Protein backbone atom coordinates (compact mmCIF):
# COMPACT_ATOMS: atom_id res chain seq x y z
CA UNK A 1 0.09 0.06 0.06
CA UNK A 2 1.43 3.13 -1.00
CA UNK A 3 1.74 5.87 1.44
CA UNK A 4 -0.66 8.95 0.94
CA UNK A 5 1.35 12.03 -0.58
CA UNK A 6 1.46 14.94 1.91
CA UNK A 7 -1.02 17.80 1.49
CA UNK A 8 -1.22 21.02 3.01
CA UNK A 9 -4.82 21.45 2.96
CA UNK A 10 -5.25 20.74 6.65
CA UNK A 11 -2.57 22.66 8.13
CA UNK A 12 -3.86 25.76 5.87
CA UNK A 13 -7.57 25.07 6.94
CA UNK A 14 -6.59 25.00 10.67
CA UNK A 15 -3.99 27.95 10.31
CA UNK A 16 -6.92 30.46 8.68
CA UNK A 17 -9.85 28.78 10.58
CA UNK A 18 -9.86 32.24 12.61
CA UNK A 19 -11.35 34.03 9.40
CA UNK A 20 -14.02 31.67 8.87
CA UNK A 21 -14.97 31.94 12.67
CA UNK A 22 -14.82 35.79 12.69
CA UNK A 23 -16.59 36.01 9.44
CA UNK A 24 -19.15 33.61 11.09
CA UNK A 25 -19.53 35.88 13.94
CA UNK A 26 -20.17 38.79 11.91
CA UNK A 27 -22.88 37.23 10.15
CA UNK A 28 -24.64 36.39 12.72
CA UNK A 29 -24.42 39.61 14.67
CA UNK A 30 -25.50 41.66 11.98
CA UNK A 31 -28.66 39.05 11.15
CA UNK A 32 -27.41 37.91 7.70
CA UNK A 33 -29.04 34.21 9.10
CA UNK A 34 -32.05 35.52 10.35
CA UNK A 35 -32.55 37.57 7.28
CA UNK A 36 -32.72 34.39 5.22
CA UNK A 37 -34.81 32.34 7.79
CA UNK A 38 -37.99 33.12 5.36
CA UNK A 39 -36.00 32.49 2.04
CA UNK A 40 -33.43 32.82 -0.70
CA UNK A 41 -31.90 36.16 -1.13
CA UNK A 42 -29.45 37.91 -3.00
CA UNK A 43 -26.21 39.68 -1.39
CA UNK A 44 -27.92 42.97 -2.41
CA UNK A 45 -31.24 41.88 -0.72
CA UNK A 46 -29.13 40.79 2.08
CA UNK A 47 -27.48 43.80 2.25
CA UNK A 48 -30.49 46.28 2.47
CA UNK A 49 -31.94 43.53 4.96
CA UNK A 50 -28.79 43.76 7.64
CA UNK A 51 -27.62 47.46 6.76
CA UNK A 52 -23.96 46.34 5.79
CA UNK A 53 -22.73 47.27 1.94
CA UNK A 54 -23.48 44.87 -0.81
CA UNK A 55 -19.75 44.04 -1.15
CA UNK A 56 -19.56 43.07 2.63
CA UNK A 57 -22.83 41.01 2.20
CA UNK A 58 -21.31 39.06 -0.83
CA UNK A 59 -18.12 38.34 1.10
CA UNK A 60 -20.10 36.88 4.17
CA UNK A 61 -22.57 35.28 2.37
CA UNK A 62 -19.85 33.39 -0.09
CA UNK A 63 -17.71 32.40 3.18
CA UNK A 64 -20.88 31.15 4.79
CA UNK A 65 -22.00 28.95 1.67
CA UNK A 66 -18.20 27.61 1.22
CA UNK A 67 -18.48 27.06 5.03
CA UNK A 68 -21.51 24.84 4.08
CA UNK A 69 -23.88 27.15 5.78
CA UNK A 70 -25.60 28.69 2.96
CA UNK A 71 -26.59 27.30 -0.45
CA UNK A 72 -25.86 29.85 -3.39
CA UNK A 73 -28.12 29.11 -6.76
CA UNK A 74 -28.19 31.42 -9.18
CA UNK A 75 -26.89 34.25 -7.28
CA UNK A 76 -29.34 33.78 -4.41
CA UNK A 77 -28.25 32.27 -0.71
CA UNK A 78 -30.28 29.92 1.34
CA UNK A 79 -29.85 28.51 4.67
CA UNK A 80 -28.33 25.17 4.78
CA UNK A 81 -29.83 22.73 7.26
CA UNK A 82 -27.79 23.38 10.11
CA UNK A 83 -28.23 27.18 10.03
CA UNK A 84 -31.99 26.93 9.88
CA UNK A 85 -31.54 24.84 12.87
CA UNK A 86 -29.24 26.67 15.22
CA UNK A 87 -28.62 30.34 13.30
CA UNK A 88 -31.63 31.46 12.21
CA UNK A 89 -32.51 33.62 15.56
CA UNK A 90 -36.07 33.28 16.96
CA UNK A 91 -37.27 31.04 13.61
CA UNK A 92 -34.43 28.43 14.25
CA UNK A 93 -35.84 25.12 14.57
CA UNK A 94 -33.57 23.88 17.23
CA UNK A 95 -31.75 26.43 19.43
CA UNK A 96 -30.57 29.85 18.70
CA UNK A 97 -26.76 29.58 18.82
CA UNK A 98 -26.57 33.56 18.73
CA UNK A 99 -25.88 34.54 22.47
CA UNK A 100 -23.14 31.78 21.97
CA UNK A 101 -21.14 33.40 18.89
CA UNK A 102 -21.55 36.68 20.42
CA UNK A 103 -19.73 35.45 23.58
CA UNK A 104 -17.11 33.84 21.51
CA UNK A 105 -16.77 36.72 19.92
CA UNK A 106 -16.62 39.54 22.23
CA UNK A 107 -15.43 37.52 25.11
CA UNK A 108 -13.44 34.19 24.30
CA UNK A 109 -11.98 35.58 21.01
CA UNK A 110 -10.26 38.61 22.37
CA UNK A 111 -8.96 36.33 25.74
CA UNK A 112 -7.26 34.15 23.22
CA UNK A 113 -4.56 37.19 22.05
CA UNK A 114 -3.45 36.26 25.98
CA UNK A 115 -2.82 32.46 24.63
CA UNK A 116 1.03 32.56 23.86
CA UNK A 117 1.36 34.20 27.28
CA UNK A 118 -0.36 31.02 28.94
CA UNK A 119 1.81 28.64 26.92
CA UNK A 120 4.89 29.72 28.36
CA UNK A 121 3.56 30.18 31.76
CA UNK A 122 0.34 27.71 31.86
CA UNK A 123 -1.45 30.36 33.73
CA UNK A 124 -4.65 31.73 32.72
CA UNK A 125 -5.35 35.31 31.29
CA UNK A 126 -6.75 38.04 32.69
CA UNK A 127 -10.80 37.58 32.48
CA UNK A 128 -12.61 41.39 32.32
CA UNK A 129 -16.25 40.84 32.98
CA UNK A 130 -16.97 44.38 33.66
CA UNK A 131 -20.02 46.44 32.79
CA UNK A 132 -22.10 44.14 30.42
CA UNK A 133 -19.45 41.77 29.45
CA UNK A 134 -20.54 39.27 32.29
CA UNK A 135 -23.87 39.27 30.85
CA UNK A 136 -22.36 38.31 27.68
CA UNK A 137 -20.42 35.74 29.10
CA UNK A 138 -23.25 34.12 31.08
CA UNK A 139 -25.46 34.13 28.07
CA UNK A 140 -22.98 32.62 25.93
CA UNK A 141 -22.21 29.89 28.60
CA UNK A 142 -25.76 29.07 29.25
CA UNK A 143 -26.85 28.70 25.73
CA UNK A 144 -23.80 26.55 25.10
CA UNK A 145 -25.28 24.29 28.05
CA UNK A 146 -28.52 24.42 26.54
CA UNK A 147 -27.14 22.84 23.44
CA UNK A 148 -25.44 20.54 25.47
CA UNK A 149 -28.90 19.62 27.16
CA UNK A 150 -30.72 18.98 23.90
CA UNK A 151 -27.81 16.54 22.60
CA UNK A 152 -28.13 14.69 25.84
CA UNK A 153 -31.73 14.39 25.72
CA UNK A 154 -31.45 12.89 22.30
CA UNK A 155 -28.68 10.40 23.28
CA UNK A 156 -29.80 9.42 26.67
CA UNK A 157 -32.95 7.35 27.47
CA UNK A 158 -34.64 8.94 30.85
CA UNK A 159 -37.39 6.49 30.67
CA UNK A 160 -37.89 4.42 33.95
CA UNK A 161 -35.94 6.58 36.30
CA UNK A 162 -38.14 8.17 39.25
CA UNK A 163 -35.38 10.43 41.63
CA UNK A 164 -32.68 12.52 39.85
CA UNK A 165 -30.18 14.51 41.56
CA UNK A 166 -28.43 17.24 39.81
CA UNK A 167 -25.15 17.69 41.29
CA UNK A 168 -23.22 20.70 41.34
CA UNK A 169 -23.81 21.59 37.68
CA UNK A 170 -24.20 25.11 36.29
CA UNK A 171 -27.52 24.88 34.17
CA UNK A 172 -31.07 23.74 34.97
CA UNK A 173 -31.26 22.71 31.03
CA UNK A 174 -29.99 18.95 31.63
CA UNK A 175 -32.25 18.28 34.38
CA UNK A 176 -35.32 19.89 32.29
CA UNK A 177 -34.49 17.75 29.41
CA UNK A 178 -35.07 14.49 31.67
CA UNK A 179 -38.05 16.20 33.43
CA UNK A 180 -39.93 16.62 29.89
CA UNK A 181 -38.87 13.20 28.60
CA UNK A 182 -39.95 11.56 31.95
CA UNK A 183 -43.04 12.43 33.30
CA UNK A 184 -42.78 10.51 36.31
CA UNK A 185 -39.40 11.81 37.21
CA UNK A 186 -38.59 14.12 40.25
CA UNK A 187 -35.70 16.07 40.41
CA UNK A 188 -33.28 17.39 43.36
CA UNK A 189 -30.92 20.18 42.62
CA UNK A 190 -28.13 20.69 45.01
CA UNK A 191 -25.84 23.43 43.53
CA UNK A 192 -23.54 26.36 44.92
CA UNK A 193 -25.56 28.63 47.12
CA UNK A 194 -24.82 31.60 44.66
CA UNK A 195 -27.03 29.64 41.88
CA UNK A 196 -29.68 28.35 44.13
CA UNK A 197 -31.92 30.95 43.80
CA UNK A 198 -31.72 31.49 40.01
CA UNK A 199 -32.34 28.02 39.69
CA UNK A 200 -35.46 27.74 42.03
CA UNK A 201 -36.96 30.88 39.69
CA UNK A 202 -35.90 28.76 36.84
CA UNK A 203 -37.66 25.75 37.80
CA UNK A 204 -40.88 27.60 39.00
CA UNK A 205 -40.99 29.21 35.29
CA UNK A 206 -40.39 25.98 33.63
CA UNK A 207 -43.65 24.64 35.59
CA UNK A 208 -41.59 21.90 37.12
CA UNK A 209 -41.93 23.50 41.01
CA UNK A 210 -44.17 20.28 41.81
CA UNK A 211 -41.44 17.52 40.66
CA UNK A 212 -38.48 19.76 41.73
CA UNK A 213 -36.90 21.02 44.69
CA UNK A 214 -33.28 23.01 44.96
CA UNK A 215 -30.89 22.97 47.51
CA UNK A 216 -27.91 25.14 48.00
CA UNK A 217 -24.84 23.67 49.02
CA UNK A 218 -20.97 24.25 48.11
CA UNK A 219 -20.46 21.35 45.59
CA UNK A 220 -17.31 20.29 46.65
CA UNK A 221 -18.45 19.35 50.26
CA UNK A 222 -22.30 18.70 49.69
CA UNK A 223 -23.83 15.43 50.81
CA UNK A 224 -27.23 14.79 49.54
CA UNK A 225 -29.36 12.19 51.15
CA UNK A 226 -30.70 9.86 48.61
CA UNK A 227 -31.59 7.23 47.52
CA UNK A 228 -31.59 8.58 43.75
CA UNK A 229 -31.42 6.07 40.63
CA UNK A 230 -30.23 8.53 38.37
CA UNK A 231 -27.15 11.20 39.24
CA UNK A 232 -26.04 14.11 37.09
CA UNK A 233 -22.63 15.67 37.26
CA UNK A 234 -22.49 18.07 34.44
CA UNK A 235 -19.69 20.44 33.90
CA UNK A 236 -18.41 20.12 37.44
CA UNK A 237 -14.98 18.05 36.97
CA UNK A 238 -13.19 20.61 35.22
CA UNK A 239 -13.83 23.09 37.73
CA UNK A 240 -12.17 21.40 40.88
CA UNK A 241 -8.90 19.81 41.66
CA UNK A 242 -8.29 16.45 41.70
CA UNK A 243 -8.97 15.71 45.69
CA UNK A 244 -12.20 17.94 45.50
CA UNK A 245 -13.49 15.76 42.45
CA UNK A 246 -12.80 12.24 44.35
CA UNK A 247 -14.97 13.71 47.22
CA UNK A 248 -17.91 15.21 44.79
CA UNK A 249 -17.79 11.41 43.38
CA UNK A 250 -18.18 9.81 46.48
CA UNK A 251 -20.65 11.85 47.73
CA UNK A 252 -22.47 11.35 44.60
CA UNK A 253 -22.34 7.48 45.09
CA UNK A 254 -23.17 8.06 48.63
CA UNK A 255 -26.59 9.39 47.70
CA UNK A 256 -27.08 6.97 45.12
CA UNK A 257 -28.82 3.55 45.20
CA UNK A 258 -27.40 0.15 43.95
CA UNK A 259 -27.67 0.34 40.38
CA UNK A 260 -28.27 4.10 39.85
CA UNK A 261 -26.81 5.46 36.86
CA UNK A 262 -24.41 8.44 36.61
CA UNK A 263 -24.16 10.82 33.76
CA UNK A 264 -20.76 12.31 34.21
CA UNK A 265 -20.64 15.45 31.67
CA UNK A 266 -17.33 17.26 30.43
CA UNK A 267 -14.85 17.40 28.36
CA UNK A 268 -11.85 14.95 28.57
CA UNK A 269 -8.48 14.38 27.04
CA UNK A 270 -8.02 10.96 25.50
CA UNK A 271 -5.24 8.41 25.83
CA UNK A 272 -5.69 6.47 22.72
CA UNK A 273 -4.15 7.14 18.85
CA UNK A 274 -7.49 9.26 18.03
CA UNK A 275 -8.14 12.64 20.26
CA UNK A 276 -11.65 14.27 19.77
CA UNK A 277 -10.68 17.46 18.88
CA UNK A 278 -13.47 19.60 20.13
CA UNK A 279 -12.11 18.38 23.98
CA UNK A 280 -8.36 19.39 23.16
CA UNK A 281 -9.64 22.50 22.02
CA UNK A 282 -11.46 23.04 25.28
CA UNK A 283 -8.57 22.23 27.11
CA UNK A 284 -6.94 25.51 25.70
CA UNK A 285 -10.07 27.62 26.08
CA UNK A 286 -10.97 26.48 29.86
CA UNK A 287 -7.21 27.34 30.71
CA UNK A 288 -6.61 30.43 29.05
CA UNK A 289 -10.03 31.68 30.17
CA UNK A 290 -9.80 31.04 33.98
CA UNK A 291 -7.26 28.59 34.69
CA UNK A 292 -9.39 25.38 34.88
CA UNK A 293 -8.46 21.65 34.18
CA UNK A 294 -9.46 19.45 31.37
CA UNK A 295 -8.45 16.04 32.71
CA UNK A 296 -7.40 12.68 30.94
CA UNK A 297 -10.45 10.58 30.83
CA UNK A 298 -8.41 7.36 32.03
CA UNK A 299 -7.67 9.81 35.39
CA UNK A 300 -11.71 10.26 36.06
CA UNK A 301 -12.51 6.90 35.35
CA UNK A 302 -9.73 5.91 37.88
CA UNK A 303 -12.00 8.45 40.35
CA UNK A 304 -14.79 6.61 39.30
CA UNK A 305 -13.90 3.06 40.36
CA UNK A 306 -12.25 4.60 43.68
CA UNK A 307 -15.93 5.88 44.36
CA UNK A 308 -17.46 2.81 43.60
CA UNK A 309 -18.58 3.79 40.12
CA UNK A 310 -18.62 1.24 37.24
CA UNK A 311 -18.38 2.94 33.66
CA UNK A 312 -20.66 1.23 31.55
CA UNK A 313 -20.83 3.45 28.48
CA UNK A 314 -19.88 6.61 26.99
CA UNK A 315 -21.48 9.14 24.63
CA UNK A 316 -19.79 11.42 22.52
CA UNK A 317 -22.59 14.09 22.04
CA UNK A 318 -22.32 16.42 18.57
CA UNK A 319 -20.96 19.81 19.24
CA UNK A 320 -20.64 19.20 22.80
CA UNK A 321 -18.67 17.55 25.62
CA UNK A 322 -18.63 13.91 26.44
CA UNK A 323 -20.33 11.60 28.69
CA UNK A 324 -19.24 8.68 30.75
CA UNK A 325 -22.42 6.53 32.09
CA UNK A 326 -21.15 4.31 34.96
CA UNK A 327 -23.59 2.18 37.16
CA UNK A 328 -23.30 2.43 41.44
CA UNK A 329 -22.12 -0.68 42.55
C-alpha cells in the first residue's frame, strides 16, 4: 500500500480557521442568517435587510456558503440545514446559538490573544467581566449548556427513572430535558448557594415546581441524602482539583441507590491514538479563560472506580462534551 502524499490542506484550514470564525460571528451579529429565515435572497437583498454594503454582504454570504452553512443558487443564498436549525434567530428550528457566538466573539476570541503567555507560563489570562461583559459571558455559556442538554436528551433514555439528583452543575437545562422526557421523574438540584435562587426561579418558570426542589450547598462538600436512581454531574469536573473531584464522586455515590446511573458530562483528553478535537480545544479554552482543567478520561475513570462507580457506556455528543455513563456498584 502506498503512503498518501502529504497535502497542505489541513494545515491551511486550521491556520486560517480564525478567518471563518470571525466571519461567522459577523454574519450572526448583523442578522444575515435571520434575514434568510423566510427564504433565499441575493447579496443586494441581504445588504438591504442587514444594513451592510452589498460588497460586505457578498463576502459574508460567500464565506458562509463555502463553509457549508448557506447554499448559493443563481446568485441567491439560502440557509443550509445546520444554519436553519441553529442560526436563524427566533426562527431557528432547534436552538438559537446566537448568544454563544456573541460570547465567543466578544469575550473568548479576544481572550485568546493572551494564549501565547498562557503557553509559556501555564497560567490563565486576565478575564475582563466588567460592565455588560458578564451578561454576555453568562448568556453564551448558558446557551452552550442548552445545546449540550439537548444533545444529551437525544442520546440518553430517561424513561424508567424516578429520582434524579443534579449535583453541582451550572445549568438547569439538563435536568429539564430529563423531566420533559419522563413525566414520572422528580429532580433535586444541589447547587452552589450563589446559583440556588436563580435555579429555583427557573424551576418555577418551567412549570416543574411540583416535581423539583432546590438546595444550596458548596459542590465540593455537598452530601445529598438519597437514594437517587439517576445522578447528573454536569460541567463539574473541570472546575475542581483532583481531591475535590474524588470527594464529589464519593458523595454522589453515597446518595445513589445500588444500580443507579451516573451521567458525568464534561470534556476529557484521550490516551488512545485518536483525540476528539473539541475536547482538546476546550482544554486550551478553559485554561486561558480561568485556569480550569480538562482532565484525562483515564484519570477520571480511576476516580470513578475509587468511588464505586462502574463505567458502562460513553456518549460523544455532537458539538458538545462527552458523557461517561456509570453504574453504582
